[in-house]
Amino acid sequence: MPHGVYGVAATMDGASLQHEMIARNLAHVQMPGYRRTHLIQGTFHDSLQEGFDADLEIEYRGTKASIDFSDGVVEKTGDKFDVAIQDNGFFVVGEQGTPLYTRNGSFTLDPSGTLVTQDGRSVP
């Protein structure tokens, strides 16, 4: 098969992934603490080098999905348990003894007085 067909197929694959990321970013635009992802496309030669990078960048067929951890807009909510992170860092929340990390600082108290996320995960 001609090499041009492979190049076109890789480009179409990358465009499809980019559309998926844009749709995901738009769907979550109002979610506090959501980090947008963006796609970095490479050449056809790059598409032959598939792998995983430890810096939260996933490579697939010459494309890299990268998570944007830059600070978002901080809005004052008036709730005494809502907090925001500026610069680097994550909140650690627990799920059955397993630490989970989030930048969503919308917290509340459960009936026992424990600080929890909106979906009930406790803050250690």
PDB file of N, CA and C in Angstrom:
ATOM      1  N   MET A   1       0.845  -1.175   0.000  1.00  0.00           N
ATOM      2  CA  MET A   1       0.000   0.000   0.000  1.00  0.00           C
ATOM      3  C   MET A   1       0.893   1.243   0.000  1.00  0.00           C
ATOM      4  N   PRO A   2       0.553   2.276  -0.740  1.00  0.00           N
ATOM      5  CA  PRO A   2       1.383   3.481  -0.807  1.00  0.00           C
ATOM      6  C   PRO A   2       1.506   4.169   0.548  1.00  0.00           C
ATOM      7  N   HIS A   3       2.673   4.757   0.779  1.00  0.00           N
ATOM      8  CA  HIS A   3       2.930   5.433   2.061  1.00  0.00           C
ATOM      9  C   HIS A   3       1.992   6.611   2.279  1.00  0.00           C
ATOM     10  N   GLY A   4       1.554   7.265   1.216  1.00  0.00           N
ATOM     11  CA  GLY A   4       0.641   8.396   1.337  1.00  0.00           C
ATOM     12  C   GLY A   4      -0.665   8.023   2.012  1.00  0.00           C
ATOM     13  N   VAL A   5      -1.141   6.812   1.754  1.00  0.00           N
ATOM     14  CA  VAL A   5      -2.388   6.354   2.372  1.00  0.00           C
ATOM     15  C   VAL A   5      -2.212   6.230   3.887  1.00  0.00           C
ATOM     16  N   TYR A   6      -1.069   5.740   4.328  1.00  0.00           N
ATOM     17  CA  TYR A   6      -0.799   5.620   5.759  1.00  0.00           C
ATOM     18  C   TYR A   6      -0.727   7.003   6.409  1.00  0.00           C
ATOM     19  N   GLY A   7      -0.099   7.946   5.719  1.00  0.00           N
ATOM     20  CA  GLY A   7      -0.012   9.307   6.244  1.00  0.00           C
ATOM     21  C   GLY A   7      -1.375   9.944   6.389  1.00  0.00           C
ATOM     22  N   VAL A   8      -2.232   9.755   5.387  1.00  0.00           N
ATOM     23  CA  VAL A   8      -3.591  10.292   5.445  1.00  0.00           C
ATOM     24  C   VAL A   8      -4.375   9.628   6.572  1.00  0.00           C
ATOM     25  N   ALA A   9      -4.222   8.322   6.718  1.00  0.00           N
ATOM     26  CA  ALA A   9      -4.935   7.597   7.778  1.00  0.00           C
ATOM     27  C   ALA A   9      -4.497   8.093   9.162  1.00  0.00           C
ATOM     28  N   ALA A  10      -3.205   8.307   9.353  1.00  0.00           N
ATOM     29  CA  ALA A  10      -2.697   8.804  10.633  1.00  0.00           C
ATOM     30  C   ALA A  10      -3.225  10.208  10.907  1.00  0.00           C
ATOM     31  N   THR A  11      -3.303  11.044   9.870  1.00  0.00           N
ATOM     32  CA  THR A  11      -3.832  12.396  10.035  1.00  0.00           C
ATOM     33  C   THR A  11      -5.303  12.361  10.411  1.00  0.00           C
ATOM     34  N   MET A  12      -6.061  11.495   9.760  1.00  0.00           N
ATOM     35  CA  MET A  12      -7.488  11.367  10.081  1.00  0.00           C
ATOM     36  C   MET A  12      -7.683  10.846  11.501  1.00  0.00           C
ATOM     37  N   ASP A  13      -6.836   9.918  11.924  1.00  0.00           N
ATOM     38  CA  ASP A  13      -6.886   9.405  13.295  1.00  0.00           C
ATOM     39  C   ASP A  13      -6.650  10.539  14.293  1.00  0.00           C
ATOM     40  N   GLY A  14      -5.641  11.363  14.013  1.00  0.00           N
ATOM     41  CA  GLY A  14      -5.338  12.494  14.889  1.00  0.00           C
ATOM     42  C   GLY A  14      -6.462  13.505  14.933  1.00  0.00           C
ATOM     43  N   ALA A  15      -7.086  13.772  13.785  1.00  0.00           N
ATOM     44  CA  ALA A  15      -8.211  14.716  13.748  1.00  0.00           C
ATOM     45  C   ALA A  15      -9.389  14.179  14.554  1.00  0.00           C
ATOM     46  N   SER A  16      -9.624  12.881  14.478  1.00  0.00           N
ATOM     47  CA  SER A  16     -10.699  12.273  15.248  1.00  0.00           C
ATOM     48  C   SER A  16     -10.436  12.405  16.750  1.00  0.00           C
ATOM     49  N   LEU A  17      -9.197  12.143  17.177  1.00  0.00           N
ATOM     50  CA  LEU A  17      -8.840  12.296  18.586  1.00  0.00           C
ATOM     51  C   LEU A  17      -8.987  13.745  19.033  1.00  0.00           C
ATOM     52  N   GLN A  18      -8.605  14.690  18.155  1.00  0.00           N
ATOM     53  CA  GLN A  18      -8.721  16.096  18.503  1.00  0.00           C
ATOM     54  C   GLN A  18     -10.188  16.488  18.685  1.00  0.00           C
ATOM     55  N   HIS A  19     -11.059  15.997  17.837  1.00  0.00           N
ATOM     56  CA  HIS A  19     -12.487  16.282  17.979  1.00  0.00           C
ATOM     57  C   HIS A  19     -13.031  15.707  19.279  1.00  0.00           C
ATOM     58  N   GLU A  20     -12.588  14.503  19.648  1.00  0.00           N
ATOM     59  CA  GLU A  20     -13.020  13.898  20.909  1.00  0.00           C
ATOM     60  C   GLU A  20     -12.576  14.739  22.102  1.00  0.00           C
ATOM     61  N   MET A  21     -11.342  15.236  22.063  1.00  0.00           N
ATOM     62  CA  MET A  21     -10.841  16.055  23.173  1.00  0.00           C
ATOM     63  C   MET A  21     -11.572  17.383  23.263  1.00  0.00           C
ATOM     64  N   ILE A  22     -11.849  17.993  22.123  1.00  0.00           N
ATOM     65  CA  ILE A  22     -12.594  19.246  22.130  1.00  0.00           C
ATOM     66  C   ILE A  22     -13.982  19.016  22.707  1.00  0.00           C
ATOM     67  N   ALA A  23     -14.649  17.940  22.303  1.00  0.00           N
ATOM     68  CA  ALA A  23     -15.982  17.625  22.822  1.00  0.00           C
ATOM     69  C   ALA A  23     -15.932  17.389  24.329  1.00  0.00           C
ATOM     70  N   ARG A  24     -14.915  16.672  24.807  1.00  0.00           N
ATOM     71  CA  ARG A  24     -14.781  16.411  26.248  1.00  0.00           C
ATOM     72  C   ARG A  24     -14.541  17.717  26.999  1.00  0.00           C
ATOM     73  N   ASN A  25     -13.681  18.580  26.449  1.00  0.00           N
ATOM     74  CA  ASN A  25     -13.410  19.863  27.103  1.00  0.00           C
ATOM     75  C   ASN A  25     -14.669  20.726  27.173  1.00  0.00           C
ATOM     76  N   LEU A  26     -15.453  20.762  26.087  1.00  0.00           N
ATOM     77  CA  LEU A  26     -16.688  21.546  26.086  1.00  0.00           C
ATOM     78  C   LEU A  26     -17.718  20.969  27.053  1.00  0.00           C
ATOM     79  N   ALA A  27     -17.785  19.660  27.147  1.00  0.00           N
ATOM     80  CA  ALA A  27     -18.756  19.018  28.043  1.00  0.00           C
ATOM     81  C   ALA A  27     -18.443  19.299  29.507  1.00  0.00           C
ATOM     82  N   HIS A  28     -17.183  19.521  29.827  1.00  0.00           N
ATOM     83  CA  HIS A  28     -16.773  19.717  31.219  1.00  0.00           C
ATOM     84  C   HIS A  28     -16.394  21.157  31.543  1.00  0.00           C
ATOM     85  N   VAL A  29     -16.716  22.101  30.671  1.00  0.00           N
ATOM     86  CA  VAL A  29     -16.262  23.472  30.855  1.00  0.00           C
ATOM     87  C   VAL A  29     -16.771  24.098  32.156  1.00  0.00           C
ATOM     88  N   GLN A  30     -17.930  23.695  32.650  1.00  0.00           N
ATOM     89  CA  GLN A  30     -18.482  24.259  33.884  1.00  0.00           C
ATOM     90  C   GLN A  30     -18.124  23.457  35.132  1.00  0.00           C
ATOM     91  N   MET A  31     -17.385  22.368  34.984  1.00  0.00           N
ATOM     92  CA  MET A  31     -17.043  21.521  36.128  1.00  0.00           C
ATOM     93  C   MET A  31     -15.862  22.130  36.890  1.00  0.00           C
ATOM     94  N   PRO A  32     -16.052  22.447  38.170  1.00  0.00           N
ATOM     95  CA  PRO A  32     -14.942  23.011  38.954  1.00  0.00           C
ATOM     96  C   PRO A  32     -13.769  22.030  39.021  1.00  0.00           C
ATOM     97  N   GLY A  33     -12.589  22.541  38.799  1.00  0.00           N
ATOM     98  CA  GLY A  33     -11.385  21.723  38.914  1.00  0.00           C
ATOM     99  C   GLY A  33     -11.059  20.894  37.693  1.00  0.00           C
ATOM    100  N   TYR A  34     -11.879  20.970  36.642  1.00  0.00           N
ATOM    101  CA  TYR A  34     -11.592  20.170  35.442  1.00  0.00           C
ATOM    102  C   TYR A  34     -10.369  20.735  34.731  1.00  0.00           C
ATOM    103  N   ARG A  35      -9.501  19.880  34.302  1.00  0.00           N
ATOM    104  CA  ARG A  35      -8.292  20.267  33.568  1.00  0.00           C
ATOM    105  C   ARG A  35      -8.480  19.895  32.110  1.00  0.00           C
ATOM    106  N   ARG A  36      -8.381  20.855  31.225  1.00  0.00           N
ATOM    107  CA  ARG A  36      -8.571  20.583  29.804  1.00  0.00           C
ATOM    108  C   ARG A  36      -7.401  19.775  29.259  1.00  0.00           C
ATOM    109  N   THR A  37      -7.665  19.025  28.225  1.00  0.00           N
ATOM    110  CA  THR A  37      -6.607  18.302  27.526  1.00  0.00           C
ATOM    111  C   THR A  37      -6.461  18.907  26.144  1.00  0.00           C
ATOM    112  N   HIS A  38      -5.257  18.839  25.624  1.00  0.00           N
ATOM    113  CA  HIS A  38      -5.035  19.293  24.269  1.00  0.00           C
ATOM    114  C   HIS A  38      -4.144  18.293  23.555  1.00  0.00           C
ATOM    115  N   LEU A  39      -4.229  18.311  22.263  1.00  0.00           N
ATOM    116  CA  LEU A  39      -3.556  17.327  21.436  1.00  0.00           C
ATOM    117  C   LEU A  39      -2.378  17.967  20.719  1.00  0.00           C
ATOM    118  N   ILE A  40      -1.253  17.291  20.735  1.00  0.00           N
ATOM    119  CA  ILE A  40      -0.066  17.715  20.003  1.00  0.00           C
ATOM    120  C   ILE A  40       0.194  16.653  18.950  1.00  0.00           C
ATOM    121  N   GLN A  41       0.118  17.039  17.684  1.00  0.00           N
ATOM    122  CA  GLN A  41       0.295  16.067  16.611  1.00  0.00           C
ATOM    123  C   GLN A  41       1.712  16.125  16.057  1.00  0.00           C
ATOM    124  N   GLY A  42       2.226  14.958  15.734  1.00  0.00           N
ATOM    125  CA  GLY A  42       3.550  14.854  15.158  1.00  0.00           C
ATOM    126  C   GLY A  42       3.497  14.453  13.699  1.00  0.00           C
ATOM    127  N   THR A  43       4.602  13.963  13.200  1.00  0.00           N
ATOM    128  CA  THR A  43       4.700  13.544  11.807  1.00  0.00           C
ATOM    129  C   THR A  43       4.355  12.063  11.681  1.00  0.00           C
ATOM    130  N   PHE A  44       4.295  11.592  10.455  1.00  0.00           N
ATOM    131  CA  PHE A  44       4.033  10.170  10.232  1.00  0.00           C
ATOM    132  C   PHE A  44       5.140   9.324  10.861  1.00  0.00           C
ATOM    133  N   HIS A  45       6.389   9.804  10.790  1.00  0.00           N
ATOM    134  CA  HIS A  45       7.494   9.076  11.415  1.00  0.00           C
ATOM    135  C   HIS A  45       7.246   8.936  12.920  1.00  0.00           C
ATOM    136  N   ASP A  46       6.710  10.000  13.539  1.00  0.00           N
ATOM    137  CA  ASP A  46       6.377   9.933  14.963  1.00  0.00           C
ATOM    138  C   ASP A  46       5.315   8.877  15.239  1.00  0.00           C
ATOM    139  N   SER A  47       4.427   8.659  14.257  1.00  0.00           N
ATOM    140  CA  SER A  47       3.340   7.704  14.467  1.00  0.00           C
ATOM    141  C   SER A  47       3.844   6.285  14.625  1.00  0.00           C
ATOM    142  N   LEU A  48       5.062   6.032  14.168  1.00  0.00           N
ATOM    143  CA  LEU A  48       5.644   4.700  14.324  1.00  0.00           C
ATOM    144  C   LEU A  48       6.214   4.487  15.716  1.00  0.00           C
ATOM    145  N   GLN A  49       6.336   5.576  16.484  1.00  0.00           N
ATOM    146  CA  GLN A  49       6.926   5.516  17.822  1.00  0.00           C
ATOM    147  C   GLN A  49       5.831   5.638  18.877  1.00  0.00           C
ATOM    148  N   GLU A  50       5.093   4.573  19.156  1.00  0.00           N
ATOM    149  CA  GLU A  50       4.051   4.614  20.173  1.00  0.00           C
ATOM    150  C   GLU A  50       4.674   4.369  21.537  1.00  0.00           C
ATOM    151  N   GLY A  51       4.088   4.970  22.595  1.00  0.00           N
ATOM    152  CA  GLY A  51       4.619   4.755  23.933  1.00  0.00           C
ATOM    153  C   GLY A  51       3.836   5.520  24.961  1.00  0.00           C
ATOM    154  N   PHE A  52       4.349   5.549  26.187  1.00  0.00           N
ATOM    155  CA  PHE A  52       3.723   6.260  27.295  1.00  0.00           C
ATOM    156  C   PHE A  52       4.781   7.082  27.995  1.00  0.00           C
ATOM    157  N   ASP A  53       4.472   8.353  28.222  1.00  0.00           N
ATOM    158  CA  ASP A  53       5.380   9.269  28.892  1.00  0.00           C
ATOM    159  C   ASP A  53       4.863   9.504  30.308  1.00  0.00           C
ATOM    160  N   ALA A  54       5.733   9.514  31.304  1.00  0.00           N
ATOM    161  CA  ALA A  54       5.316   9.635  32.698  1.00  0.00           C
ATOM    162  C   ALA A  54       4.825  11.029  33.057  1.00  0.00           C
ATOM    163  N   ASP A  55       4.964  12.023  32.179  1.00  0.00           N
ATOM    164  CA  ASP A  55       4.527  13.379  32.471  1.00  0.00           C
ATOM    165  C   ASP A  55       3.071  13.615  32.096  1.00  0.00           C
ATOM    166  N   LEU A  56       2.230  12.618  32.279  1.00  0.00           N
ATOM    167  CA  LEU A  56       0.811  12.692  31.969  1.00  0.00           C
ATOM    168  C   LEU A  56       0.570  13.049  30.510  1.00  0.00           C
ATOM    169  N   GLU A  57       1.445  12.577  29.662  1.00  0.00           N
ATOM    170  CA  GLU A  57       1.254  12.733  28.232  1.00  0.00           C
ATOM    171  C   GLU A  57       1.177  11.341  27.639  1.00  0.00           C
ATOM    172  N   ILE A  58       0.146  11.088  26.879  1.00  0.00           N
ATOM    173  CA  ILE A  58      -0.056   9.784  26.281  1.00  0.00           C
ATOM    174  C   ILE A  58       0.180   9.906  24.791  1.00  0.00           C
ATOM    175  N   GLU A  59       1.056   9.084  24.250  1.00  0.00           N
ATOM    176  CA  GLU A  59       1.353   9.129  22.830  1.00  0.00           C
ATOM    177  C   GLU A  59       0.642   7.988  22.127  1.00  0.00           C
ATOM    178  N   TYR A  60       0.038   8.300  21.000  1.00  0.00           N
ATOM    179  CA  TYR A  60      -0.616   7.279  20.210  1.00  0.00           C
ATOM    180  C   TYR A  60      -0.550   7.690  18.753  1.00  0.00           C
ATOM    181  N   ARG A  61       0.165   6.935  17.959  1.00  0.00           N
ATOM    182  CA  ARG A  61       0.275   7.166  16.526  1.00  0.00           C
ATOM    183  C   ARG A  61       0.625   8.604  16.173  1.00  0.00           C
ATOM    184  N   GLY A  62       1.684   9.122  16.760  1.00  0.00           N
ATOM    185  CA  GLY A  62       2.158  10.449  16.410  1.00  0.00           C
ATOM    186  C   GLY A  62       1.423  11.589  17.066  1.00  0.00           C
ATOM    187  N   THR A  63       0.508  11.293  17.981  1.00  0.00           N
ATOM    188  CA  THR A  63      -0.207  12.353  18.681  1.00  0.00           C
ATOM    189  C   THR A  63       0.078  12.241  20.167  1.00  0.00           C
ATOM    190  N   LYS A  64       0.061  13.372  20.854  1.00  0.00           N
ATOM    191  CA  LYS A  64       0.270  13.402  22.292  1.00  0.00           C
ATOM    192  C   LYS A  64      -0.901  14.118  22.932  1.00  0.00           C
ATOM    193  N   ALA A  65      -1.538  13.483  23.890  1.00  0.00           N
ATOM    194  CA  ALA A  65      -2.591  14.137  24.671  1.00  0.00           C
ATOM    195  C   ALA A  65      -1.946  14.639  25.951  1.00  0.00           C
ATOM    196  N   SER A  66      -2.066  15.925  26.196  1.00  0.00           N
ATOM    197  CA  SER A  66      -1.433  16.534  27.357  1.00  0.00           C
ATOM    198  C   SER A  66      -2.495  17.225  28.213  1.00  0.00           C
ATOM    199  N   ILE A  67      -2.409  17.083  29.523  1.00  0.00           N
ATOM    200  CA  ILE A  67      -3.357  17.706  30.444  1.00  0.00           C
ATOM    201  C   ILE A  67      -2.805  19.060  30.861  1.00  0.00           C
ATOM    202  N   ASP A  68      -3.628  20.076  30.778  1.00  0.00           N
ATOM    203  CA  ASP A  68      -3.243  21.442  31.123  1.00  0.00           C
ATOM    204  C   ASP A  68      -3.494  21.671  32.617  1.00  0.00           C
ATOM    205  N   PHE A  69      -2.434  21.843  33.398  1.00  0.00           N
ATOM    206  CA  PHE A  69      -2.566  22.061  34.831  1.00  0.00           C
ATOM    207  C   PHE A  69      -2.394  23.532  35.208  1.00  0.00           C
ATOM    208  N   SER A  70      -2.523  24.433  34.252  1.00  0.00           N
ATOM    209  CA  SER A  70      -2.410  25.849  34.588  1.00  0.00           C
ATOM    210  C   SER A  70      -3.629  26.268  35.418  1.00  0.00           C
ATOM    211  N   ASP A  71      -3.468  27.357  36.184  1.00  0.00           N
ATOM    212  CA  ASP A  71      -4.545  27.826  37.052  1.00  0.00           C
ATOM    213  C   ASP A  71      -5.732  28.293  36.232  1.00  0.00           C
ATOM    214  N   GLY A  72      -6.911  27.959  36.707  1.00  0.00           N
ATOM    215  CA  GLY A  72      -8.138  28.433  36.082  1.00  0.00           C
ATOM    216  C   GLY A  72      -8.630  29.684  36.783  1.00  0.00           C
ATOM    217  N   VAL A  73      -9.818  30.101  36.444  1.00  0.00           N
ATOM    218  CA  VAL A  73     -10.434  31.272  37.056  1.00  0.00           C
ATOM    219  C   VAL A  73     -10.924  30.897  38.455  1.00  0.00           C
ATOM    220  N   VAL A  74     -10.591  31.710  39.447  1.00  0.00           N
ATOM    221  CA  VAL A  74     -11.039  31.471  40.818  1.00  0.00           C
ATOM    222  C   VAL A  74     -12.279  32.315  41.058  1.00  0.00           C
ATOM    223  N   GLU A  75     -13.365  31.653  41.430  1.00  0.00           N
ATOM    224  CA  GLU A  75     -14.630  32.337  41.692  1.00  0.00           C
ATOM    225  C   GLU A  75     -14.967  32.230  43.168  1.00  0.00           C
ATOM    226  N   LYS A  76     -15.389  33.315  43.758  1.00  0.00           N
ATOM    227  CA  LYS A  76     -15.802  33.311  45.155  1.00  0.00           C
ATOM    228  C   LYS A  76     -17.225  32.766  45.230  1.00  0.00           C
ATOM    229  N   THR A  77     -17.413  31.698  46.013  1.00  0.00           N
ATOM    230  CA  THR A  77     -18.729  31.056  46.096  1.00  0.00           C
ATOM    231  C   THR A  77     -19.483  31.451  47.358  1.00  0.00           C
ATOM    232  N   GLY A  78     -18.781  31.902  48.370  1.00  0.00           N
ATOM    233  CA  GLY A  78     -19.433  32.235  49.629  1.00  0.00           C
ATOM    234  C   GLY A  78     -19.565  31.041  50.561  1.00  0.00           C
ATOM    235  N   ASP A  79     -19.266  29.848  50.098  1.00  0.00           N
ATOM    236  CA  ASP A  79     -19.333  28.647  50.934  1.00  0.00           C
ATOM    237  C   ASP A  79     -18.024  28.537  51.707  1.00  0.00           C
ATOM    238  N   LYS A  80     -18.104  28.386  53.016  1.00  0.00           N
ATOM    239  CA  LYS A  80     -16.893  28.381  53.837  1.00  0.00           C
ATOM    240  C   LYS A  80     -16.011  27.150  53.623  1.00  0.00           C
ATOM    241  N   PHE A  81     -16.522  26.119  52.959  1.00  0.00           N
ATOM    242  CA  PHE A  81     -15.721  24.914  52.719  1.00  0.00           C
ATOM    243  C   PHE A  81     -15.183  24.840  51.293  1.00  0.00           C
ATOM    244  N   ASP A  82     -15.437  25.832  50.469  1.00  0.00           N
ATOM    245  CA  ASP A  82     -14.888  25.861  49.116  1.00  0.00           C
ATOM    246  C   ASP A  82     -13.530  26.544  49.147  1.00  0.00           C
ATOM    247  N   VAL A  83     -12.542  25.873  48.596  1.00  0.00           N
ATOM    248  CA  VAL A  83     -11.175  26.409  48.546  1.00  0.00           C
ATOM    249  C   VAL A  83     -10.620  26.226  47.133  1.00  0.00           C
ATOM    250  N   ALA A  84      -9.571  26.977  46.825  1.00  0.00           N
ATOM    251  CA  ALA A  84      -8.948  26.894  45.504  1.00  0.00           C
ATOM    252  C   ALA A  84      -7.450  26.716  45.663  1.00  0.00           C
ATOM    253  N   ILE A  85      -6.868  26.060  44.687  1.00  0.00           N
ATOM    254  CA  ILE A  85      -5.413  25.879  44.642  1.00  0.00           C
ATOM    255  C   ILE A  85      -4.865  26.822  43.581  1.00  0.00           C
ATOM    256  N   GLN A  86      -3.874  27.588  43.956  1.00  0.00           N
ATOM    257  CA  GLN A  86      -3.166  28.380  42.972  1.00  0.00           C
ATOM    258  C   GLN A  86      -1.762  27.817  42.867  1.00  0.00           C
ATOM    259  N   ASP A  87      -1.268  27.727  41.638  1.00  0.00           N
ATOM    260  CA  ASP A  87       0.034  27.158  41.331  1.00  0.00           C
ATOM    261  C   ASP A  87      -0.077  25.631  41.333  1.00  0.00           C
ATOM    262  N   ASN A  88       0.947  24.929  41.793  1.00  0.00           N
ATOM    263  CA  ASN A  88       0.980  23.470  41.738  1.00  0.00           C
ATOM    264  C   ASN A  88       0.292  22.854  42.941  1.00  0.00           C
ATOM    265  N   GLY A  89      -0.195  21.633  42.766  1.00  0.00           N
ATOM    266  CA  GLY A  89      -0.734  20.888  43.888  1.00  0.00           C
ATOM    267  C   GLY A  89      -2.085  20.276  43.619  1.00  0.00           C
ATOM    268  N   PHE A  90      -2.460  19.347  44.499  1.00  0.00           N
ATOM    269  CA  PHE A  90      -3.726  18.643  44.422  1.00  0.00           C
ATOM    270  C   PHE A  90      -4.266  18.458  45.824  1.00  0.00           C
ATOM    271  N   PHE A  91      -5.580  18.305  45.935  1.00  0.00           N
ATOM    272  CA  PHE A  91      -6.190  17.878  47.178  1.00  0.00           C
ATOM    273  C   PHE A  91      -6.166  16.358  47.186  1.00  0.00           C
ATOM    274  N   VAL A  92      -5.887  15.774  48.355  1.00  0.00           N
ATOM    275  CA  VAL A  92      -5.898  14.323  48.492  1.00  0.00           C
ATOM    276  C   VAL A  92      -7.205  13.940  49.161  1.00  0.00           C
ATOM    277  N   VAL A  93      -7.940  13.051  48.520  1.00  0.00           N
ATOM    278  CA  VAL A  93      -9.192  12.550  49.093  1.00  0.00           C
ATOM    279  C   VAL A  93      -9.088  11.035  49.151  1.00  0.00           C
ATOM    280  N   GLY A  94      -9.875  10.416  50.020  1.00  0.00           N
ATOM    281  CA  GLY A  94      -9.772   8.978  50.209  1.00  0.00           C
ATOM    282  C   GLY A  94     -10.938   8.215  49.628  1.00  0.00           C
ATOM    283  N   GLU A  95     -10.635   7.035  49.158  1.00  0.00           N
ATOM    284  CA  GLU A  95     -11.669   6.114  48.686  1.00  0.00           C
ATOM    285  C   GLU A  95     -11.234   4.728  49.133  1.00  0.00           C
ATOM    286  N   GLN A  96     -11.797   4.243  50.208  1.00  0.00           N
ATOM    287  CA  GLN A  96     -11.486   2.932  50.763  1.00  0.00           C
ATOM    288  C   GLN A  96      -9.983   2.748  50.974  1.00  0.00           C
ATOM    289  N   GLY A  97      -9.351   3.754  51.585  1.00  0.00           N
ATOM    290  CA  GLY A  97      -7.927   3.671  51.902  1.00  0.00           C
ATOM    291  C   GLY A  97      -6.994   4.001  50.754  1.00  0.00           C
ATOM    292  N   THR A  98      -7.523   4.239  49.575  1.00  0.00           N
ATOM    293  CA  THR A  98      -6.701   4.576  48.410  1.00  0.00           C
ATOM    294  C   THR A  98      -6.733   6.082  48.208  1.00  0.00           C
ATOM    295  N   PRO A  99      -5.561   6.737  48.168  1.00  0.00           N
ATOM    296  CA  PRO A  99      -5.572   8.187  47.946  1.00  0.00           C
ATOM    297  C   PRO A  99      -5.917   8.520  46.491  1.00  0.00           C
ATOM    298  N   LEU A 100      -6.799   9.494  46.323  1.00  0.00           N
ATOM    299  CA  LEU A 100      -7.146  10.024  45.011  1.00  0.00           C
ATOM    300  C   LEU A 100      -6.791  11.507  45.018  1.00  0.00           C
ATOM    301  N   TYR A 101      -6.486  12.059  43.862  1.00  0.00           N
ATOM    302  CA  TYR A 101      -6.046  13.445  43.769  1.00  0.00           C
ATOM    303  C   TYR A 101      -7.021  14.239  42.909  1.00  0.00           C
ATOM    304  N   THR A 102      -7.340  15.449  43.373  1.00  0.00           N
ATOM    305  CA  THR A 102      -8.264  16.308  42.653  1.00  0.00           C
ATOM    306  C   THR A 102      -7.855  17.762  42.830  1.00  0.00           C
ATOM    307  N   ARG A 103      -8.272  18.602  41.902  1.00  0.00           N
ATOM    308  CA  ARG A 103      -8.104  20.047  42.043  1.00  0.00           C
ATOM    309  C   ARG A 103      -9.453  20.716  42.301  1.00  0.00           C
ATOM    310  N   ASN A 104     -10.510  19.919  42.409  1.00  0.00           N
ATOM    311  CA  ASN A 104     -11.835  20.440  42.708  1.00  0.00           C
ATOM    312  C   ASN A 104     -11.907  20.719  44.203  1.00  0.00           C
ATOM    313  N   GLY A 105     -12.021  21.967  44.581  1.00  0.00           N
ATOM    314  CA  GLY A 105     -12.004  22.357  45.988  1.00  0.00           C
ATOM    315  C   GLY A 105     -13.369  22.606  46.582  1.00  0.00           C
ATOM    316  N   SER A 106     -14.407  21.984  46.041  1.00  0.00           N
ATOM    317  CA  SER A 106     -15.760  22.149  46.552  1.00  0.00           C
ATOM    318  C   SER A 106     -16.029  21.058  47.587  1.00  0.00           C
ATOM    319  N   PHE A 107     -15.932  21.417  48.873  1.00  0.00           N
ATOM    320  CA  PHE A 107     -16.077  20.452  49.955  1.00  0.00           C
ATOM    321  C   PHE A 107     -17.300  20.792  50.807  1.00  0.00           C
ATOM    322  N   THR A 108     -17.707  19.823  51.608  1.00  0.00           N
ATOM    323  CA  THR A 108     -18.822  19.995  52.538  1.00  0.00           C
ATOM    324  C   THR A 108     -18.587  19.079  53.739  1.00  0.00           C
ATOM    325  N   LEU A 109     -19.429  19.182  54.740  1.00  0.00           N
ATOM    326  CA  LEU A 109     -19.344  18.292  55.902  1.00  0.00           C
ATOM    327  C   LEU A 109     -20.427  17.231  55.795  1.00  0.00           C
ATOM    328  N   ASP A 110     -20.065  15.985  56.104  1.00  0.00           N
ATOM    329  CA  ASP A 110     -21.081  14.934  56.139  1.00  0.00           C
ATOM    330  C   ASP A 110     -21.741  14.950  57.525  1.00  0.00           C
ATOM    331  N   PRO A 111     -22.767  14.146  57.751  1.00  0.00           N
ATOM    332  CA  PRO A 111     -23.474  14.159  59.051  1.00  0.00           C
ATOM    333  C   PRO A 111     -22.577  13.884  60.257  1.00  0.00           C
ATOM    334  N   SER A 112     -21.459  13.160  60.064  1.00  0.00           N
ATOM    335  CA  SER A 112     -20.563  12.880  61.194  1.00  0.00           C
ATOM    336  C   SER A 112     -19.538  13.987  61.410  1.00  0.00           C
ATOM    337  N   GLY A 113     -19.564  15.044  60.569  1.00  0.00           N
ATOM    338  CA  GLY A 113     -18.641  16.158  60.733  1.00  0.00           C
ATOM    339  C   GLY A 113     -17.330  16.006  59.982  1.00  0.00           C
ATOM    340  N   THR A 114     -17.225  15.011  59.105  1.00  0.00           N
ATOM    341  CA  THR A 114     -16.019  14.789  58.319  1.00  0.00           C
ATOM    342  C   THR A 114     -16.073  15.631  57.052  1.00  0.00           C
ATOM    343  N   LEU A 115     -14.951  16.248  56.696  1.00  0.00           N
ATOM    344  CA  LEU A 115     -14.860  17.020  55.466  1.00  0.00           C
ATOM    345  C   LEU A 115     -14.845  16.059  54.278  1.00  0.00           C
ATOM    346  N   VAL A 116     -15.778  16.250  53.335  1.00  0.00           N
ATOM    347  CA  VAL A 116     -15.906  15.348  52.191  1.00  0.00           C
ATOM    348  C   VAL A 116     -16.083  16.160  50.904  1.00  0.00           C
ATOM    349  N   THR A 117     -15.822  15.494  49.771  1.00  0.00           N
ATOM    350  CA  THR A 117     -16.093  16.090  48.469  1.00  0.00           C
ATOM    351  C   THR A 117     -17.592  16.034  48.214  1.00  0.00           C
ATOM    352  N   GLN A 118     -18.031  16.653  47.124  1.00  0.00           N
ATOM    353  CA  GLN A 118     -19.455  16.669  46.795  1.00  0.00           C
ATOM    354  C   GLN A 118     -19.999  15.268  46.532  1.00  0.00           C
ATOM    355  N   ASP A 119     -19.133  14.338  46.114  1.00  0.00           N
ATOM    356  CA  ASP A 119     -19.592  12.961  45.872  1.00  0.00           C
ATOM    357  C   ASP A 119     -19.282  12.030  47.045  1.00  0.00           C
ATOM    358  N   GLY A 120     -18.936  12.592  48.225  1.00  0.00           N
ATOM    359  CA  GLY A 120     -18.822  11.796  49.441  1.00  0.00           C
ATOM    360  C   GLY A 120     -17.465  11.224  49.763  1.00  0.00           C
ATOM    361  N   ARG A 121     -16.440  11.548  49.012  1.00  0.00           N
ATOM    362  CA  ARG A 121     -15.093  11.035  49.322  1.00  0.00           C
ATOM    363  C   ARG A 121     -14.493  11.867  50.454  1.00  0.00           C
ATOM    364  N   SER A 122     -13.960  11.192  51.478  1.00  0.00           N
ATOM    365  CA  SER A 122     -13.456  11.911  52.648  1.00  0.00           C
ATOM    366  C   SER A 122     -12.089  12.508  52.396  1.00  0.00           C
ATOM    367  N   VAL A 123     -11.833  13.608  53.094  1.00  0.00           N
ATOM    368  CA  VAL A 123     -10.531  14.261  53.052  1.00  0.00           C
ATOM    369  C   VAL A 123      -9.773  13.803  54.290  1.00  0.00           C
ATOM    370  N   PRO A 124      -8.632  13.112  54.096  1.00  0.00           N
ATOM    371  CA  PRO A 124      -7.911  12.592  55.276  1.00  0.00           C
ATOM    372  C   PRO A 124      -7.335  13.688  56.151  1.00  0.00           C
TER     373      PRO A 124
END
